[in-house]
C-alpha atoms as a PDB file:
ATOM      1  CA  MET A   1    -107.521 114.199-158.784  1.00  0.00           C
ATOM      2  CA  SER A   2    -104.931 115.095-161.328  1.00  0.00           C
ATOM      3  CA  ASP A   3    -107.032 117.468-162.970  1.00  0.00           C
ATOM      4  CA  LEU A   4    -107.643 119.358-160.054  1.00  0.00           C
ATOM      5  CA  VAL A   5    -103.572 119.800-159.282  1.00  0.00           C
ATOM      6  CA  TRP A   6    -103.160 120.753-162.802  1.00  0.00           C
ATOM      7  CA  ILE A   7    -106.034 123.542-162.585  1.00  0.00           C
ATOM      8  CA  PHE A   8    -104.220 124.675-159.054  1.00  0.00           C
ATOM      9  CA  VAL A   9    -100.877 124.618-160.103  1.00  0.00           C
ATOM     10  CA  SER A  10    -101.342 126.137-163.578  1.00  0.00           C
ATOM     11  CA  ALA A  11    -103.107 129.285-161.779  1.00  0.00           C
ATOM     12  CA  LEU A  12    -100.668 129.372-159.218  1.00  0.00           C
ATOM     13  CA  LEU A  13     -97.452 129.214-161.419  1.00  0.00           C
ATOM     14  CA  ILE A  14     -97.679 128.843-164.985  1.00  0.00           C
ATOM     15  CA  ASN A  15    -100.593 131.417-166.050  1.00  0.00           C
ATOM     16  CA  ASN A  16    -100.102 133.191-162.744  1.00  0.00           C
ATOM     17  CA  PHE A  17    -102.923 136.188-163.199  1.00  0.00           C
ATOM     18  CA  VAL A  18    -100.186 138.910-162.754  1.00  0.00           C
ATOM     19  CA  LEU A  19     -96.939 137.510-164.180  1.00  0.00           C
ATOM     20  CA  SER A  20     -98.098 135.550-167.007  1.00  0.00           C
ATOM     21  CA  TYR A  21    -101.722 137.719-167.946  1.00  0.00           C
ATOM     22  CA  PHE A  22    -100.854 140.823-166.297  1.00  0.00           C
ATOM     23  CA  LEU A  23    -104.048 141.041-164.775  1.00  0.00           C
ATOM     24  CA  GLY A  24    -104.093 143.070-161.298  1.00  0.00           C
ATOM     25  CA  LEU A  25    -101.079 145.297-162.036  1.00  0.00           C
ATOM     26  CA  CYS A  26    -102.550 148.250-160.003  1.00  0.00           C
ATOM     27  CA  PRO A  27    -102.408 146.486-156.709  1.00  0.00           C
ATOM     28  CA  PHE A  28     -99.490 144.675-157.683  1.00  0.00           C
ATOM     29  CA  LEU A  29     -97.266 147.788-157.989  1.00  0.00           C
ATOM     30  CA  GLY A  30     -99.067 149.732-155.698  1.00  0.00           C
ATOM     31  CA  VAL A  31     -99.524 147.769-152.498  1.00  0.00           C
ATOM     32  CA  SER A  32     -96.314 145.823-152.655  1.00  0.00           C
ATOM     33  CA  SER A  33     -94.179 147.983-150.949  1.00  0.00           C
ATOM     34  CA  ARG A  34     -94.393 146.316-147.190  1.00  0.00           C
ATOM     35  CA  LEU A  35     -94.322 142.515-146.981  1.00  0.00           C
ATOM     36  CA  ASP A  36     -96.932 142.414-144.491  1.00  0.00           C
ATOM     37  CA  THR A  37     -99.261 144.512-146.338  1.00  0.00           C
ATOM     38  CA  ALA A  38     -98.568 142.796-149.697  1.00  0.00           C
ATOM     39  CA  PHE A  39     -99.691 139.509-147.596  1.00  0.00           C
ATOM     40  CA  ARG A  40    -102.964 140.647-146.006  1.00  0.00           C
ATOM     41  CA  LEU A  41    -104.233 142.029-149.412  1.00  0.00           C
ATOM     42  CA  GLY A  42    -103.420 138.611-150.853  1.00  0.00           C
ATOM     43  CA  LEU A  43    -105.370 136.775-148.265  1.00  0.00           C
ATOM     44  CA  ALA A  44    -108.633 139.424-148.931  1.00  0.00           C
ATOM     45  CA  ASN A  45    -107.982 138.757-152.770  1.00  0.00           C
ATOM     46  CA  ILE A  46    -108.148 134.962-152.260  1.00  0.00           C
ATOM     47  CA  PHE A  47    -111.113 135.215-150.184  1.00  0.00           C
ATOM     48  CA  VAL A  48    -112.856 137.597-152.884  1.00  0.00           C
ATOM     49  CA  MET A  49    -111.790 135.116-155.564  1.00  0.00           C
ATOM     50  CA  LEU A  50    -113.258 131.948-153.939  1.00  0.00           C
ATOM     51  CA  ILE A  51    -116.132 134.207-153.263  1.00  0.00           C
ATOM     52  CA  THR A  52    -116.720 134.909-157.006  1.00  0.00           C
ATOM     53  CA  ALA A  53    -115.806 131.638-158.120  1.00  0.00           C
ATOM     54  CA  PHE A  54    -118.813 129.815-156.297  1.00  0.00           C
ATOM     55  CA  CYS A  55    -121.148 132.847-157.125  1.00  0.00           C
ATOM     56  CA  ALA A  56    -120.055 132.552-160.896  1.00  0.00           C
ATOM     57  CA  TRP A  57    -120.783 128.928-160.915  1.00  0.00           C
ATOM     58  CA  PHE A  58    -124.042 129.407-159.174  1.00  0.00           C
ATOM     59  CA  LEU A  59    -125.060 132.001-161.711  1.00  0.00           C
ATOM     60  CA  ASN A  60    -124.195 130.431-164.803  1.00  0.00           C
ATOM     61  CA  THR A  61    -125.719 126.894-163.637  1.00  0.00           C
ATOM     62  CA  TYR A  62    -129.174 127.982-162.087  1.00  0.00           C
ATOM     63  CA  ILE A  63    -129.717 131.677-162.865  1.00  0.00           C
ATOM     64  CA  LEU A  64    -128.004 132.811-166.327  1.00  0.00           C
ATOM     65  CA  ILE A  65    -128.826 129.795-168.481  1.00  0.00           C
ATOM     66  CA  HIS A  66    -130.914 131.611-171.128  1.00  0.00           C
ATOM     67  CA  ALA A  67    -128.970 135.025-170.461  1.00  0.00           C
ATOM     68  CA  PRO A  68    -125.556 134.926-170.994  1.00  0.00           C
ATOM     69  CA  TYR A  69    -125.487 138.636-171.790  1.00  0.00           C
ATOM     70  CA  LEU A  70    -126.118 139.348-168.381  1.00  0.00           C
ATOM     71  CA  ARG A  71    -122.983 137.339-167.057  1.00  0.00           C
ATOM     72  CA  LEU A  72    -120.438 140.321-167.138  1.00  0.00           C
ATOM     73  CA  ILE A  73    -122.712 142.934-165.064  1.00  0.00           C
ATOM     74  CA  SER A  74    -123.890 139.933-162.718  1.00  0.00           C
ATOM     75  CA  PHE A  75    -120.052 139.154-162.013  1.00  0.00           C
ATOM     76  CA  ILE A  76    -119.411 142.584-161.477  1.00  0.00           C
ATOM     77  CA  VAL A  77    -122.362 143.298-158.768  1.00  0.00           C
ATOM     78  CA  VAL A  78    -120.879 139.943-157.183  1.00  0.00           C
ATOM     79  CA  ILE A  79    -117.374 141.298-157.167  1.00  0.00           C
ATOM     80  CA  ALA A  80    -118.476 144.819-155.665  1.00  0.00           C
ATOM     81  CA  SER A  81    -120.576 143.259-153.089  1.00  0.00           C
ATOM     82  CA  THR A  82    -117.875 140.719-151.635  1.00  0.00           C
ATOM     83  CA  VAL A  83    -115.384 143.678-151.603  1.00  0.00           C
ATOM     84  CA  GLN A  84    -117.542 146.124-149.405  1.00  0.00           C
ATOM     85  CA  PHE A  85    -118.518 143.442-147.127  1.00  0.00           C
ATOM     86  CA  ILE A  86    -114.470 142.711-146.654  1.00  0.00           C
ATOM     87  CA  GLU A  87    -113.950 146.554-146.771  1.00  0.00           C
ATOM     88  CA  MET A  88    -116.531 146.638-143.656  1.00  0.00           C
ATOM     89  CA  VAL A  89    -114.861 143.300-141.852  1.00  0.00           C
ATOM     90  CA  ILE A  90    -111.429 144.849-141.925  1.00  0.00           C
ATOM     91  CA  LYS A  91    -112.499 148.118-141.020  1.00  0.00           C
ATOM     92  CA  LYS A  92    -114.063 146.651-138.070  1.00  0.00           C
ATOM     93  CA  LEU A  93    -111.572 144.169-136.999  1.00  0.00           C
ATOM     94  CA  SER A  94    -108.011 145.518-138.226  1.00  0.00           C
ATOM     95  CA  PRO A  95    -108.423 149.661-138.459  1.00  0.00           C
ATOM     96  CA  ALA A  96    -104.766 149.700-138.820  1.00  0.00           C
ATOM     97  CA  LEU A  97    -104.696 147.107-141.849  1.00  0.00           C
ATOM     98  CA  PHE A  98    -107.433 149.427-143.174  1.00  0.00           C
ATOM     99  CA  ARG A  99    -105.435 152.186-143.254  1.00  0.00           C
ATOM    100  CA  ALA A 100    -102.396 150.594-144.638  1.00  0.00           C
ATOM    101  CA  LEU A 101    -104.105 149.208-147.765  1.00  0.00           C
ATOM    102  CA  GLY A 102    -105.795 152.912-148.305  1.00  0.00           C
ATOM    103  CA  ILE A 103    -107.124 152.739-151.705  1.00  0.00           C
ATOM    104  CA  PHE A 104    -106.218 149.641-152.669  1.00  0.00           C
ATOM    105  CA  LEU A 105    -108.767 147.818-151.114  1.00  0.00           C
ATOM    106  CA  PRO A 106    -111.745 149.512-152.727  1.00  0.00           C
ATOM    107  CA  LEU A 107    -109.812 148.373-155.790  1.00  0.00           C
ATOM    108  CA  ILE A 108    -110.229 145.338-155.299  1.00  0.00           C
ATOM    109  CA  THR A 109    -113.527 146.018-156.780  1.00  0.00           C
ATOM    110  CA  THR A 110    -112.161 147.097-160.173  1.00  0.00           C
ATOM    111  CA  ASN A 111    -109.457 144.298-159.848  1.00  0.00           C
ATOM    112  CA  CYS A 112    -109.339 142.999-163.653  1.00  0.00           C
ATOM    113  CA  ALA A 113    -107.784 139.649-161.948  1.00  0.00           C
ATOM    114  CA  ILE A 114    -110.897 138.811-160.060  1.00  0.00           C
ATOM    115  CA  LEU A 115    -113.226 139.583-163.002  1.00  0.00           C
ATOM    116  CA  GLY A 116    -110.789 137.543-165.142  1.00  0.00           C
ATOM    117  CA  LEU A 117    -111.345 134.548-162.973  1.00  0.00           C
ATOM    118  CA  ALA A 118    -114.516 134.469-162.914  1.00  0.00           C
ATOM    119  CA  ILE A 119    -114.833 134.809-166.765  1.00  0.00           C
ATOM    120  CA  PHE A 120    -112.119 132.238-167.591  1.00  0.00           C
ATOM    121  CA  ALA A 121    -113.722 129.717-165.182  1.00  0.00           C
ATOM    122  CA  THR A 122    -117.035 130.446-166.944  1.00  0.00           C
ATOM    123  CA  ASN A 123    -115.652 129.856-170.291  1.00  0.00           C
ATOM    124  CA  ARG A 124    -113.397 126.850-169.371  1.00  0.00           C
ATOM    125  CA  GLY A 125    -116.706 125.149-168.394  1.00  0.00           C
ATOM    126  CA  TYR A 126    -115.523 124.352-165.001  1.00  0.00           C
ATOM    127  CA  GLY A 127    -117.733 122.853-162.590  1.00  0.00           C
ATOM    128  CA  LEU A 128    -117.864 123.868-158.626  1.00  0.00           C
ATOM    129  CA  LEU A 129    -115.299 122.160-157.581  1.00  0.00           C
ATOM    130  CA  GLU A 130    -112.746 123.033-160.635  1.00  0.00           C
ATOM    131  CA  GLY A 131    -113.692 126.653-160.257  1.00  0.00           C
ATOM    132  CA  MET A 132    -112.837 126.724-156.469  1.00  0.00           C
ATOM    133  CA  VAL A 133    -109.633 124.911-157.176  1.00  0.00           C
ATOM    134  CA  PHE A 134    -109.154 127.244-160.158  1.00  0.00           C
ATOM    135  CA  ALA A 135    -110.005 130.429-157.369  1.00  0.00           C
ATOM    136  CA  LEU A 136    -107.648 129.025-154.866  1.00  0.00           C
ATOM    137  CA  GLY A 137    -104.546 128.680-157.051  1.00  0.00           C
ATOM    138  CA  ALA A 138    -105.271 132.066-159.059  1.00  0.00           C
ATOM    139  CA  GLY A 139    -105.056 133.731-155.697  1.00  0.00           C
ATOM    140  CA  ALA A 140    -102.391 132.136-153.757  1.00  0.00           C
ATOM    141  CA  GLY A 141    -100.659 133.084-157.282  1.00  0.00           C
ATOM    142  CA  PHE A 142    -101.772 136.724-156.922  1.00  0.00           C
ATOM    143  CA  THR A 143    -100.290 136.565-153.219  1.00  0.00           C
ATOM    144  CA  LEU A 144     -97.319 135.055-154.138  1.00  0.00           C
ATOM    145  CA  ALA A 145     -96.337 137.875-156.775  1.00  0.00           C
ATOM    146  CA  LEU A 146     -97.489 140.307-154.293  1.00  0.00           C
ATOM    147  CA  VAL A 147     -95.173 138.953-151.495  1.00  0.00           C
ATOM    148  CA  LEU A 148     -92.470 138.137-154.029  1.00  0.00           C
ATOM    149  CA  MET A 149     -92.526 141.612-155.242  1.00  0.00           C
ATOM    150  CA  ALA A 150     -92.840 143.366-151.666  1.00  0.00           C
ATOM    151  CA  GLY A 151     -90.006 141.454-150.480  1.00  0.00           C
ATOM    152  CA  LEU A 152     -87.632 142.538-153.469  1.00  0.00           C
ATOM    153  CA  ARG A 153     -88.872 146.176-153.074  1.00  0.00           C
ATOM    154  CA  GLU A 154     -87.816 146.044-149.512  1.00  0.00           C
ATOM    155  CA  GLU A 155     -84.458 144.492-150.252  1.00  0.00           C
ATOM    156  CA  VAL A 156     -83.878 147.216-153.194  1.00  0.00           C
ATOM    157  CA  GLU A 157     -85.048 149.861-150.367  1.00  0.00           C
ATOM    158  CA  MET A 158     -82.068 149.019-147.930  1.00  0.00           C
ATOM    159  CA  ALA A 159     -79.457 148.399-150.896  1.00  0.00           C
ATOM    160  CA  THR A 160     -76.779 151.093-151.417  1.00  0.00           C
ATOM    161  CA  GLU A 161     -75.786 150.099-154.884  1.00  0.00           C
ATOM    162  CA  VAL A 162     -78.769 151.232-156.729  1.00  0.00           C
ATOM    163  CA  PRO A 163     -78.286 154.264-158.670  1.00  0.00           C
ATOM    164  CA  ALA A 164     -80.676 157.049-158.286  1.00  0.00           C
ATOM    165  CA  LEU A 165     -81.571 157.343-161.499  1.00  0.00           C
ATOM    166  CA  ILE A 166     -83.568 153.982-161.618  1.00  0.00           C
ATOM    167  CA  ARG A 167     -85.254 154.224-157.651  1.00  0.00           C
ATOM    168  CA  GLY A 168     -88.293 154.111-157.634  1.00  0.00           C
ATOM    169  CA  THR A 169     -90.614 153.379-160.293  1.00  0.00           C
ATOM    170  CA  ALA A 170     -88.088 152.453-162.862  1.00  0.00           C
ATOM    171  CA  MET A 171     -86.550 149.895-160.366  1.00  0.00           C
ATOM    172  CA  ASN A 172     -90.181 148.487-159.477  1.00  0.00           C
ATOM    173  CA  LEU A 173     -90.916 147.890-163.176  1.00  0.00           C
ATOM    174  CA  ILE A 174     -87.476 146.367-163.843  1.00  0.00           C
ATOM    175  CA  ILE A 175     -88.412 143.608-160.966  1.00  0.00           C
ATOM    176  CA  ALA A 176     -91.756 143.262-162.306  1.00  0.00           C
ATOM    177  CA  GLY A 177     -90.326 142.258-165.579  1.00  0.00           C
ATOM    178  CA  ILE A 178     -87.372 139.847-164.274  1.00  0.00           C
ATOM    179  CA  LEU A 179     -90.384 138.240-162.321  1.00  0.00           C
ATOM    180  CA  SER A 180     -92.472 137.855-164.924  1.00  0.00           C
ATOM    181  CA  MET A 181     -89.556 136.143-167.189  1.00  0.00           C
ATOM    182  CA  ALA A 182     -88.949 133.998-164.393  1.00  0.00           C
ATOM    183  CA  PHE A 183     -92.295 132.882-164.010  1.00  0.00           C
ATOM    184  CA  MET A 184     -92.199 132.056-167.899  1.00  0.00           C
ATOM    185  CA  GLY A 185     -90.031 129.233-166.978  1.00  0.00           C
ATOM    186  CA  PHE A 186     -92.775 127.613-165.523  1.00  0.00           C
ATOM    187  CA  ALA A 187     -94.388 127.002-168.798  1.00  0.00           C
ATOM    188  CA  GLY A 188     -92.973 123.585-169.504  1.00  0.00           C
ATOM    189  CA  LEU A 189     -93.653 122.330-165.890  1.00  0.00           C
ATOM    190  CA  PHE A 190     -96.461 119.779-167.070  1.00  0.00           C
ATOM    191  CA  SER A 191     -96.602 118.282-170.313  1.00  0.00           C
ATOM    192  CA  SER A 192    -100.182 117.959-171.981  1.00  0.00           C
ATOM    193  CA  THR A 193     -99.804 114.310-172.679  1.00  0.00           C
END
């Protein structure tokens, strides 16, 4: 049980995909302008990560035993089909959210954080339960990073003290750098004894 907690906390805070590994920066910087949009995209990412973790485990355990060279292409096919399914569901259930996410919803297909999840879980030899906990932690960490960035960006937009020179992209990159440094503080959270 403590291993599962370690895997979850590690993926959530210590080895956050966005703020430690710098994976998934496109949606992190592109969709994080509004808090509600960032949260919903984070939930969609969690779902895709959970499906990807299950499929990666299944593929590695039962199908790609003697063909490890097919892992990468198999993972890409699983991720692309899962994202297409989510895109159709969101378009049907919430057209406003579909329009708000815009191009960033199909970009989940090319989100390197999701592909990284499948590769990390495979390389670390996680079983089904460990892989699902890892996916949940990574997805929650991705959502946390998106929500933190969106909240800070909304606050900065309302602030009058921010010089015009650094408003926009420059300020967003400064915020992302400070968030990344803050998450580096979690590196000593657990000891490996």
